[in-house]
């Protein structure tokens, strides 16, 4: 039935979005090495409006523990510093008048364990989203059955939704395994 296929396609798309969102959240968890995407969530006041840091400056990694931020306009240095200090990154910016240097400290064992817990929490949120999509899709399929769709077709569709759920949950587990290894690597 065409409606069932639409529900299945939508479920698949929403589950993929949950995996993508989880991956983007995991990227924000720093693993002790300097990565430009660490600063992705930082907004800078640019002529009175909040603007993403990567739109008002270039961010490079001169070495494994350092980020260099070169604003496109010199007068933005203080605004960028303020945004970094006010963020939850816990980094202290240093500037030489032209560029801002962020030194990423080595992680302690205790901090690594905290970051793994944070990563697990993000992954669990992703799985909750996937299960929510499954629940909503199955409810929609049951409504279709009440409206006259065949019971066999609905059952097959529910089995397909469960396969999607298992598949996308496994993808999130794989993301967590990679991130955990990355965090715990000294």
N, C-alpha and C. Protein backbone atom coordinates (compact mmCIF):
# COMPACT_ATOMS: atom_id res chain seq x y z
N UNK A 1 0.83 -1.18 0.00
CA UNK A 1 0.00 0.00 0.00
C UNK A 1 0.88 1.25 0.00
N UNK A 2 0.49 2.24 -0.74
CA UNK A 2 1.30 3.44 -0.91
C UNK A 2 1.48 4.23 0.39
N UNK A 3 0.42 4.32 1.19
CA UNK A 3 0.50 5.07 2.46
C UNK A 3 1.49 4.42 3.41
N UNK A 4 1.50 3.11 3.44
CA UNK A 4 2.44 2.38 4.31
C UNK A 4 3.87 2.71 3.90
N UNK A 5 4.13 2.70 2.60
CA UNK A 5 5.48 3.04 2.10
C UNK A 5 5.89 4.45 2.53
N UNK A 6 4.94 5.38 2.47
CA UNK A 6 5.23 6.76 2.89
C UNK A 6 5.62 6.80 4.37
N UNK A 7 4.87 6.07 5.20
CA UNK A 7 5.21 6.04 6.63
C UNK A 7 6.58 5.43 6.85
N UNK A 8 6.90 4.36 6.11
CA UNK A 8 8.20 3.71 6.25
C UNK A 8 9.33 4.63 5.83
N UNK A 9 9.13 5.32 4.71
CA UNK A 9 10.16 6.26 4.23
C UNK A 9 10.38 7.39 5.23
N UNK A 10 9.28 7.90 5.77
CA UNK A 10 9.39 8.98 6.75
C UNK A 10 10.11 8.50 8.02
N UNK A 11 9.78 7.29 8.46
CA UNK A 11 10.43 6.73 9.65
C UNK A 11 11.93 6.60 9.43
N UNK A 12 12.29 6.08 8.26
CA UNK A 12 13.70 5.90 7.93
C UNK A 12 14.43 7.26 7.93
N UNK A 13 13.81 8.25 7.32
CA UNK A 13 14.40 9.59 7.24
C UNK A 13 14.58 10.20 8.63
N UNK A 14 13.56 10.09 9.48
CA UNK A 14 13.64 10.66 10.83
C UNK A 14 14.68 9.93 11.68
N UNK A 15 14.79 8.63 11.50
CA UNK A 15 15.79 7.87 12.25
C UNK A 15 17.20 8.26 11.81
N UNK A 16 17.37 8.49 10.51
CA UNK A 16 18.68 8.93 10.01
C UNK A 16 19.02 10.30 10.57
N UNK A 17 18.02 11.18 10.67
CA UNK A 17 18.24 12.50 11.25
C UNK A 17 18.67 12.38 12.71
N UNK A 18 18.08 11.43 13.43
CA UNK A 18 18.47 11.22 14.84
C UNK A 18 19.93 10.79 14.94
N UNK A 19 20.35 9.90 14.03
CA UNK A 19 21.74 9.45 14.01
C UNK A 19 22.66 10.62 13.67
N UNK A 20 22.29 11.41 12.66
CA UNK A 20 23.11 12.56 12.25
C UNK A 20 23.23 13.57 13.38
N UNK A 21 22.13 13.82 14.07
CA UNK A 21 22.15 14.78 15.18
C UNK A 21 23.06 14.26 16.30
N UNK A 22 22.95 12.98 16.60
CA UNK A 22 23.80 12.39 17.64
C UNK A 22 25.27 12.53 17.25
N UNK A 23 25.58 12.26 15.99
CA UNK A 23 26.97 12.39 15.52
C UNK A 23 27.45 13.83 15.68
N UNK A 24 26.60 14.80 15.35
CA UNK A 24 27.02 16.21 15.47
C UNK A 24 27.20 16.60 16.94
N UNK A 25 26.40 16.03 17.83
CA UNK A 25 26.56 16.32 19.25
C UNK A 25 27.85 15.68 19.79
N UNK A 26 28.18 14.49 19.30
CA UNK A 26 29.41 13.81 19.75
C UNK A 26 30.65 14.57 19.30
N UNK A 27 30.58 15.22 18.15
CA UNK A 27 31.73 15.98 17.65
C UNK A 27 32.07 17.11 18.61
N UNK A 28 31.04 17.65 19.27
CA UNK A 28 31.26 18.78 20.18
C UNK A 28 31.96 18.36 21.48
N UNK A 29 31.95 17.07 21.77
CA UNK A 29 32.62 16.58 22.98
C UNK A 29 34.10 16.46 22.65
N UNK A 30 34.91 17.29 23.31
CA UNK A 30 36.31 17.32 22.94
C UNK A 30 37.05 16.12 23.50
N UNK A 31 37.96 15.59 22.73
CA UNK A 31 38.69 14.39 23.12
C UNK A 31 40.17 14.69 23.35
N UNK A 32 40.48 15.91 23.77
CA UNK A 32 41.85 16.23 24.11
C UNK A 32 42.71 16.71 22.96
N UNK A 33 42.16 16.69 21.76
CA UNK A 33 42.95 17.23 20.65
C UNK A 33 42.19 18.38 20.00
N UNK A 34 42.93 19.28 19.44
CA UNK A 34 42.34 20.48 18.86
C UNK A 34 41.65 20.15 17.54
N UNK A 35 40.38 20.51 17.47
CA UNK A 35 39.61 20.32 16.24
C UNK A 35 38.78 21.58 16.02
N UNK A 36 38.83 22.16 14.82
CA UNK A 36 38.08 23.40 14.57
C UNK A 36 36.58 23.28 14.87
N UNK A 37 35.99 22.11 14.65
CA UNK A 37 34.55 21.97 14.88
C UNK A 37 34.20 22.00 16.37
N UNK A 38 35.20 22.04 17.23
CA UNK A 38 34.99 22.21 18.67
C UNK A 38 34.30 23.54 18.94
N UNK A 39 34.53 24.51 18.07
CA UNK A 39 34.00 25.87 18.26
C UNK A 39 32.69 26.11 17.50
N UNK A 40 32.11 25.05 16.93
CA UNK A 40 30.92 25.20 16.09
C UNK A 40 29.74 25.88 16.77
N UNK A 41 29.54 25.65 18.05
CA UNK A 41 28.37 26.22 18.72
C UNK A 41 28.55 27.65 19.19
N UNK A 42 29.72 28.23 19.00
CA UNK A 42 30.00 29.56 19.56
C UNK A 42 29.48 30.66 18.63
N UNK A 43 28.73 31.57 19.25
CA UNK A 43 28.16 32.70 18.52
C UNK A 43 28.86 33.99 18.98
N UNK A 44 29.20 34.84 18.03
CA UNK A 44 29.90 36.10 18.30
C UNK A 44 28.98 37.25 17.93
N UNK A 45 28.99 38.30 18.74
CA UNK A 45 28.21 39.50 18.42
C UNK A 45 28.91 40.22 17.28
N UNK A 46 28.26 40.28 16.14
CA UNK A 46 28.84 40.91 14.95
C UNK A 46 27.87 41.99 14.49
N UNK A 47 28.21 43.23 14.74
CA UNK A 47 27.34 44.36 14.44
C UNK A 47 25.95 44.17 15.04
N UNK A 48 25.95 43.73 16.31
CA UNK A 48 24.69 43.62 17.05
C UNK A 48 23.91 42.35 16.86
N UNK A 49 24.34 41.46 15.98
CA UNK A 49 23.58 40.21 15.82
C UNK A 49 24.50 39.02 16.05
N UNK A 50 23.98 37.97 16.72
CA UNK A 50 24.79 36.79 16.98
C UNK A 50 25.11 36.06 15.67
N UNK A 51 26.39 35.80 15.45
CA UNK A 51 26.86 35.17 14.22
C UNK A 51 27.78 34.02 14.59
N UNK A 52 27.69 32.87 13.89
CA UNK A 52 28.60 31.76 14.19
C UNK A 52 30.06 32.18 14.02
N UNK A 53 30.90 31.71 14.93
CA UNK A 53 32.32 32.06 14.93
C UNK A 53 32.98 31.78 13.58
N UNK A 54 32.62 30.64 12.96
CA UNK A 54 33.27 30.27 11.70
C UNK A 54 32.87 31.17 10.52
N UNK A 55 31.91 32.09 10.73
CA UNK A 55 31.52 33.03 9.67
C UNK A 55 32.23 34.38 9.80
N UNK A 56 32.89 34.60 10.96
CA UNK A 56 33.58 35.88 11.15
C UNK A 56 35.09 35.69 11.32
N UNK A 57 35.55 34.44 11.20
CA UNK A 57 36.98 34.18 11.37
C UNK A 57 37.35 32.85 10.71
N UNK A 58 38.66 32.65 10.58
CA UNK A 58 39.11 31.33 10.12
C UNK A 58 39.75 30.63 11.32
N UNK A 59 39.48 29.34 11.44
CA UNK A 59 40.00 28.56 12.56
C UNK A 59 40.93 27.49 11.99
N UNK A 60 42.17 27.48 12.49
CA UNK A 60 43.15 26.49 12.03
C UNK A 60 43.75 25.77 13.23
N UNK A 61 44.41 24.66 12.94
CA UNK A 61 45.09 23.89 14.00
C UNK A 61 46.58 23.82 13.68
N UNK A 62 47.37 24.73 14.25
CA UNK A 62 48.81 24.71 14.00
C UNK A 62 49.48 23.42 14.51
N UNK A 63 48.95 22.87 15.61
CA UNK A 63 49.44 21.57 16.09
C UNK A 63 48.30 20.85 16.79
N UNK A 64 48.57 19.68 17.34
CA UNK A 64 47.52 18.81 17.88
C UNK A 64 46.80 19.38 19.09
N UNK A 65 47.40 20.35 19.79
CA UNK A 65 46.80 20.88 21.01
C UNK A 65 46.47 22.37 20.93
N UNK A 66 46.53 22.95 19.73
CA UNK A 66 46.32 24.39 19.60
C UNK A 66 45.33 24.72 18.48
N UNK A 67 44.46 25.69 18.78
CA UNK A 67 43.58 26.25 17.76
C UNK A 67 43.96 27.71 17.58
N UNK A 68 44.07 28.14 16.33
CA UNK A 68 44.36 29.55 16.03
C UNK A 68 43.14 30.14 15.34
N UNK A 69 42.63 31.24 15.89
CA UNK A 69 41.45 31.89 15.34
C UNK A 69 41.87 33.25 14.81
N UNK A 70 41.71 33.44 13.50
CA UNK A 70 42.08 34.72 12.88
C UNK A 70 40.79 35.39 12.40
N UNK A 71 40.37 36.46 13.13
CA UNK A 71 39.15 37.16 12.72
C UNK A 71 39.33 37.85 11.37
N UNK A 72 38.25 37.94 10.61
CA UNK A 72 38.31 38.64 9.33
C UNK A 72 38.43 40.15 9.55
N UNK A 73 37.95 40.62 10.72
CA UNK A 73 38.07 42.03 11.08
C UNK A 73 38.73 42.10 12.46
N UNK A 74 39.77 42.93 12.59
CA UNK A 74 40.54 43.02 13.82
C UNK A 74 39.69 43.41 15.03
N UNK A 75 38.69 44.26 14.83
CA UNK A 75 37.90 44.73 15.96
C UNK A 75 37.04 43.63 16.59
N UNK A 76 37.01 42.45 16.00
CA UNK A 76 36.21 41.34 16.53
C UNK A 76 36.96 40.52 17.59
N UNK A 77 38.25 40.77 17.76
CA UNK A 77 39.04 39.94 18.68
C UNK A 77 38.42 39.91 20.07
N UNK A 78 38.05 41.07 20.61
CA UNK A 78 37.49 41.09 21.97
C UNK A 78 36.14 40.37 22.03
N UNK A 79 35.33 40.52 20.99
CA UNK A 79 34.03 39.83 20.95
C UNK A 79 34.21 38.31 20.90
N UNK A 80 35.19 37.85 20.11
CA UNK A 80 35.45 36.41 20.00
C UNK A 80 35.95 35.88 21.34
N UNK A 81 36.86 36.63 21.96
CA UNK A 81 37.36 36.21 23.28
C UNK A 81 36.22 36.09 24.28
N UNK A 82 35.36 37.11 24.29
CA UNK A 82 34.22 37.11 25.21
C UNK A 82 33.33 35.88 24.97
N UNK A 83 33.06 35.57 23.71
CA UNK A 83 32.19 34.43 23.37
C UNK A 83 32.82 33.11 23.82
N UNK A 84 34.14 32.99 23.67
CA UNK A 84 34.82 31.75 24.08
C UNK A 84 34.80 31.61 25.60
N UNK A 85 35.06 32.72 26.31
CA UNK A 85 35.07 32.68 27.76
C UNK A 85 33.67 32.34 28.29
N UNK A 86 32.63 32.89 27.66
CA UNK A 86 31.26 32.63 28.11
C UNK A 86 30.73 31.27 27.69
N UNK A 87 31.42 30.58 26.79
CA UNK A 87 30.97 29.24 26.35
C UNK A 87 31.28 28.24 27.46
N UNK A 88 30.76 27.03 27.30
CA UNK A 88 31.01 26.00 28.31
C UNK A 88 32.23 25.14 27.98
N UNK A 89 33.12 25.65 27.14
CA UNK A 89 34.30 24.87 26.74
C UNK A 89 35.39 24.85 27.82
N UNK A 90 35.41 25.86 28.65
CA UNK A 90 36.43 25.92 29.70
C UNK A 90 37.82 26.21 29.16
N UNK A 91 37.91 26.98 28.08
CA UNK A 91 39.21 27.32 27.49
C UNK A 91 39.51 28.80 27.73
N UNK A 92 40.81 29.09 27.92
CA UNK A 92 41.23 30.47 28.14
C UNK A 92 41.92 31.00 26.88
N UNK A 93 41.27 31.95 26.16
CA UNK A 93 41.87 32.49 24.94
C UNK A 93 43.03 33.45 25.24
N UNK A 94 44.03 33.43 24.38
CA UNK A 94 45.14 34.38 24.46
C UNK A 94 45.24 35.03 23.09
N UNK A 95 45.47 36.36 23.07
CA UNK A 95 45.58 36.98 21.75
C UNK A 95 46.83 37.85 21.67
N UNK A 96 47.32 37.98 20.45
CA UNK A 96 48.51 38.82 20.22
C UNK A 96 48.15 40.05 19.38
N UNK A 97 46.87 40.39 19.35
CA UNK A 97 46.43 41.54 18.60
C UNK A 97 45.96 41.20 17.20
N UNK A 98 46.37 40.05 16.68
CA UNK A 98 45.94 39.63 15.34
C UNK A 98 45.20 38.31 15.35
N UNK A 99 45.70 37.36 16.15
CA UNK A 99 45.03 36.06 16.23
C UNK A 99 44.81 35.68 17.69
N UNK A 100 43.84 34.79 17.88
CA UNK A 100 43.54 34.27 19.21
C UNK A 100 44.03 32.83 19.24
N UNK A 101 44.76 32.51 20.29
CA UNK A 101 45.29 31.15 20.44
C UNK A 101 44.53 30.46 21.57
N UNK A 102 44.05 29.25 21.30
CA UNK A 102 43.42 28.42 22.32
C UNK A 102 44.28 27.17 22.49
N UNK A 103 44.76 26.95 23.69
CA UNK A 103 45.53 25.75 23.97
C UNK A 103 44.59 24.75 24.62
N UNK A 104 44.49 23.59 24.02
CA UNK A 104 43.61 22.54 24.53
C UNK A 104 44.42 21.73 25.55
N UNK A 105 44.00 21.74 26.82
CA UNK A 105 44.76 20.99 27.83
C UNK A 105 44.58 19.48 27.66
N UNK A 106 45.60 18.74 28.09
CA UNK A 106 45.48 17.28 28.08
C UNK A 106 44.40 16.89 29.08
N UNK A 107 43.69 15.82 28.78
CA UNK A 107 42.59 15.40 29.64
C UNK A 107 43.10 14.52 30.78
N UNK A 108 42.54 14.75 31.97
CA UNK A 108 42.83 13.87 33.09
C UNK A 108 41.95 12.63 32.97
N UNK A 109 42.30 11.58 33.70
CA UNK A 109 41.51 10.34 33.66
C UNK A 109 40.07 10.62 34.11
N UNK A 110 39.93 11.45 35.15
CA UNK A 110 38.61 11.79 35.68
C UNK A 110 37.77 12.51 34.61
N UNK A 111 38.41 13.45 33.91
CA UNK A 111 37.71 14.21 32.86
C UNK A 111 37.32 13.29 31.70
N UNK A 112 38.20 12.36 31.38
CA UNK A 112 37.89 11.40 30.31
C UNK A 112 36.64 10.59 30.65
N UNK A 113 36.55 10.16 31.89
CA UNK A 113 35.39 9.37 32.33
C UNK A 113 34.12 10.22 32.24
N UNK A 114 34.23 11.50 32.64
CA UNK A 114 33.08 12.42 32.52
C UNK A 114 32.65 12.56 31.06
N UNK A 115 33.62 12.71 30.17
CA UNK A 115 33.30 12.88 28.74
C UNK A 115 32.66 11.63 28.16
N UNK A 116 33.11 10.44 28.60
CA UNK A 116 32.49 9.20 28.14
C UNK A 116 31.03 9.15 28.60
N UNK A 117 30.80 9.56 29.85
CA UNK A 117 29.42 9.59 30.36
C UNK A 117 28.57 10.55 29.52
N UNK A 118 29.15 11.70 29.19
CA UNK A 118 28.43 12.69 28.37
C UNK A 118 28.12 12.10 26.99
N UNK A 119 29.08 11.40 26.41
CA UNK A 119 28.88 10.77 25.10
C UNK A 119 27.78 9.71 25.18
N UNK A 120 27.79 8.92 26.25
CA UNK A 120 26.75 7.89 26.42
C UNK A 120 25.37 8.54 26.55
N UNK A 121 25.32 9.66 27.26
CA UNK A 121 24.06 10.38 27.43
C UNK A 121 23.53 10.87 26.07
N UNK A 122 24.42 11.44 25.26
CA UNK A 122 24.02 11.92 23.92
C UNK A 122 23.51 10.76 23.07
N UNK A 123 24.21 9.63 23.14
CA UNK A 123 23.80 8.46 22.35
C UNK A 123 22.45 7.92 22.83
N UNK A 124 22.24 7.93 24.14
CA UNK A 124 20.95 7.48 24.66
C UNK A 124 19.83 8.39 24.18
N UNK A 125 20.10 9.70 24.13
CA UNK A 125 19.10 10.64 23.60
C UNK A 125 18.78 10.31 22.14
N UNK A 126 19.80 9.96 21.37
CA UNK A 126 19.59 9.58 19.97
C UNK A 126 18.72 8.34 19.86
N UNK A 127 18.99 7.35 20.73
CA UNK A 127 18.19 6.12 20.70
C UNK A 127 16.75 6.38 21.12
N UNK A 128 16.58 7.29 22.08
CA UNK A 128 15.23 7.66 22.50
C UNK A 128 14.47 8.27 21.33
N UNK A 129 15.14 9.11 20.56
CA UNK A 129 14.51 9.71 19.37
C UNK A 129 14.09 8.63 18.39
N UNK A 130 14.97 7.66 18.18
CA UNK A 130 14.67 6.57 17.24
C UNK A 130 13.46 5.77 17.73
N UNK A 131 13.45 5.45 19.02
CA UNK A 131 12.32 4.68 19.56
C UNK A 131 11.02 5.49 19.47
N UNK A 132 11.13 6.79 19.64
CA UNK A 132 9.95 7.65 19.53
C UNK A 132 9.40 7.63 18.10
N UNK A 133 10.31 7.65 17.12
CA UNK A 133 9.89 7.56 15.72
C UNK A 133 9.18 6.22 15.49
N UNK A 134 9.75 5.14 16.04
CA UNK A 134 9.14 3.81 15.89
C UNK A 134 7.72 3.82 16.45
N UNK A 135 7.58 4.37 17.67
CA UNK A 135 6.27 4.41 18.32
C UNK A 135 5.26 5.19 17.48
N UNK A 136 5.66 6.38 17.03
CA UNK A 136 4.75 7.21 16.23
C UNK A 136 4.35 6.52 14.93
N UNK A 137 5.34 5.90 14.27
CA UNK A 137 5.06 5.22 13.00
C UNK A 137 4.11 4.05 13.21
N UNK A 138 4.38 3.25 14.26
CA UNK A 138 3.50 2.10 14.53
C UNK A 138 2.08 2.55 14.85
N UNK A 139 1.94 3.67 15.57
CA UNK A 139 0.60 4.19 15.85
C UNK A 139 -0.10 4.59 14.55
N UNK A 140 0.64 5.23 13.66
CA UNK A 140 0.06 5.63 12.37
C UNK A 140 -0.35 4.41 11.56
N UNK A 141 0.48 3.37 11.60
CA UNK A 141 0.16 2.14 10.87
C UNK A 141 -1.09 1.48 11.43
N UNK A 142 -1.25 1.48 12.74
CA UNK A 142 -2.44 0.88 13.36
C UNK A 142 -3.71 1.67 12.97
N UNK A 143 -3.56 3.00 12.87
CA UNK A 143 -4.71 3.81 12.41
C UNK A 143 -5.10 3.42 10.99
N UNK A 144 -4.06 3.19 10.16
CA UNK A 144 -4.34 2.76 8.78
C UNK A 144 -5.11 1.44 8.78
N UNK A 145 -4.72 0.54 9.69
CA UNK A 145 -5.40 -0.76 9.75
C UNK A 145 -6.87 -0.55 10.12
N UNK A 146 -7.13 0.34 11.05
CA UNK A 146 -8.52 0.62 11.44
C UNK A 146 -9.31 1.23 10.28
N UNK A 147 -8.57 1.95 9.40
CA UNK A 147 -9.22 2.58 8.25
C UNK A 147 -9.37 1.61 7.08
N UNK A 148 -8.91 0.38 7.25
CA UNK A 148 -9.15 -0.61 6.21
C UNK A 148 -7.93 -1.24 5.58
N UNK A 149 -6.72 -0.90 6.00
CA UNK A 149 -5.52 -1.55 5.44
C UNK A 149 -5.47 -2.98 5.95
N UNK A 150 -4.87 -3.87 5.17
CA UNK A 150 -4.86 -5.28 5.57
C UNK A 150 -3.93 -5.49 6.76
N UNK A 151 -4.34 -6.41 7.62
CA UNK A 151 -3.58 -6.69 8.84
C UNK A 151 -2.18 -7.21 8.52
N UNK A 152 -2.08 -8.04 7.48
CA UNK A 152 -0.77 -8.59 7.08
C UNK A 152 0.18 -7.49 6.64
N UNK A 153 -0.31 -6.56 5.83
CA UNK A 153 0.54 -5.46 5.36
C UNK A 153 1.03 -4.62 6.54
N UNK A 154 0.15 -4.32 7.47
CA UNK A 154 0.52 -3.52 8.64
C UNK A 154 1.54 -4.27 9.48
N UNK A 155 1.34 -5.58 9.66
CA UNK A 155 2.29 -6.39 10.44
C UNK A 155 3.67 -6.36 9.78
N UNK A 156 3.71 -6.54 8.46
CA UNK A 156 5.00 -6.51 7.74
C UNK A 156 5.66 -5.14 7.89
N UNK A 157 4.84 -4.09 7.81
CA UNK A 157 5.38 -2.73 7.95
C UNK A 157 5.94 -2.52 9.35
N UNK A 158 5.24 -3.03 10.38
CA UNK A 158 5.74 -2.89 11.75
C UNK A 158 7.06 -3.64 11.93
N UNK A 159 7.14 -4.82 11.29
CA UNK A 159 8.41 -5.58 11.35
C UNK A 159 9.53 -4.79 10.67
N UNK A 160 9.20 -4.13 9.56
CA UNK A 160 10.18 -3.31 8.84
C UNK A 160 10.64 -2.13 9.71
N UNK A 161 9.69 -1.50 10.40
CA UNK A 161 10.01 -0.39 11.30
C UNK A 161 10.95 -0.87 12.40
N UNK A 162 10.70 -2.08 12.92
CA UNK A 162 11.57 -2.62 13.97
C UNK A 162 12.98 -2.88 13.42
N UNK A 163 13.06 -3.34 12.17
CA UNK A 163 14.39 -3.54 11.55
C UNK A 163 15.12 -2.21 11.42
N UNK A 164 14.40 -1.17 11.00
CA UNK A 164 15.01 0.17 10.92
C UNK A 164 15.51 0.60 12.30
N UNK A 165 14.67 0.40 13.31
CA UNK A 165 15.02 0.80 14.68
C UNK A 165 16.31 0.10 15.11
N UNK A 166 16.37 -1.21 14.89
CA UNK A 166 17.57 -1.97 15.27
C UNK A 166 18.79 -1.48 14.51
N UNK A 167 18.63 -1.24 13.22
CA UNK A 167 19.74 -0.81 12.37
C UNK A 167 20.28 0.55 12.80
N UNK A 168 19.39 1.52 13.01
CA UNK A 168 19.84 2.86 13.37
C UNK A 168 20.36 2.91 14.80
N UNK A 169 19.82 2.09 15.69
CA UNK A 169 20.35 2.01 17.06
C UNK A 169 21.77 1.45 17.03
N UNK A 170 22.01 0.49 16.16
CA UNK A 170 23.35 -0.07 16.02
C UNK A 170 24.32 0.99 15.51
N UNK A 171 23.85 1.84 14.58
CA UNK A 171 24.72 2.92 14.09
C UNK A 171 25.11 3.86 15.23
N UNK A 172 24.17 4.15 16.12
CA UNK A 172 24.48 5.01 17.27
C UNK A 172 25.47 4.31 18.21
N UNK A 173 25.28 3.01 18.41
CA UNK A 173 26.24 2.25 19.24
C UNK A 173 27.64 2.32 18.65
N UNK A 174 27.74 2.23 17.32
CA UNK A 174 29.05 2.31 16.66
C UNK A 174 29.68 3.69 16.86
N UNK A 175 28.85 4.75 16.77
CA UNK A 175 29.34 6.10 17.02
C UNK A 175 29.91 6.21 18.43
N UNK A 176 29.19 5.62 19.39
CA UNK A 176 29.63 5.68 20.79
C UNK A 176 30.94 4.93 20.98
N UNK A 177 31.07 3.78 20.37
CA UNK A 177 32.31 2.99 20.50
C UNK A 177 33.49 3.79 19.97
N UNK A 178 33.31 4.41 18.81
CA UNK A 178 34.39 5.23 18.22
C UNK A 178 34.75 6.39 19.13
N UNK A 179 33.71 7.10 19.61
CA UNK A 179 33.95 8.29 20.44
C UNK A 179 34.61 7.89 21.76
N UNK A 180 34.16 6.79 22.34
CA UNK A 180 34.73 6.33 23.61
C UNK A 180 36.21 5.99 23.43
N UNK A 181 36.53 5.32 22.34
CA UNK A 181 37.95 4.98 22.06
C UNK A 181 38.75 6.26 21.86
N UNK A 182 38.17 7.23 21.17
CA UNK A 182 38.84 8.50 20.91
C UNK A 182 39.12 9.25 22.22
N UNK A 183 38.13 9.26 23.10
CA UNK A 183 38.26 9.97 24.38
C UNK A 183 39.30 9.28 25.28
N UNK A 184 39.25 7.97 25.34
CA UNK A 184 40.12 7.24 26.28
C UNK A 184 41.55 7.10 25.78
N UNK A 185 41.78 7.38 24.49
CA UNK A 185 43.13 7.29 23.93
C UNK A 185 43.98 8.41 24.49
N UNK A 186 45.10 8.05 25.09
CA UNK A 186 45.97 9.07 25.72
C UNK A 186 46.93 9.64 24.71
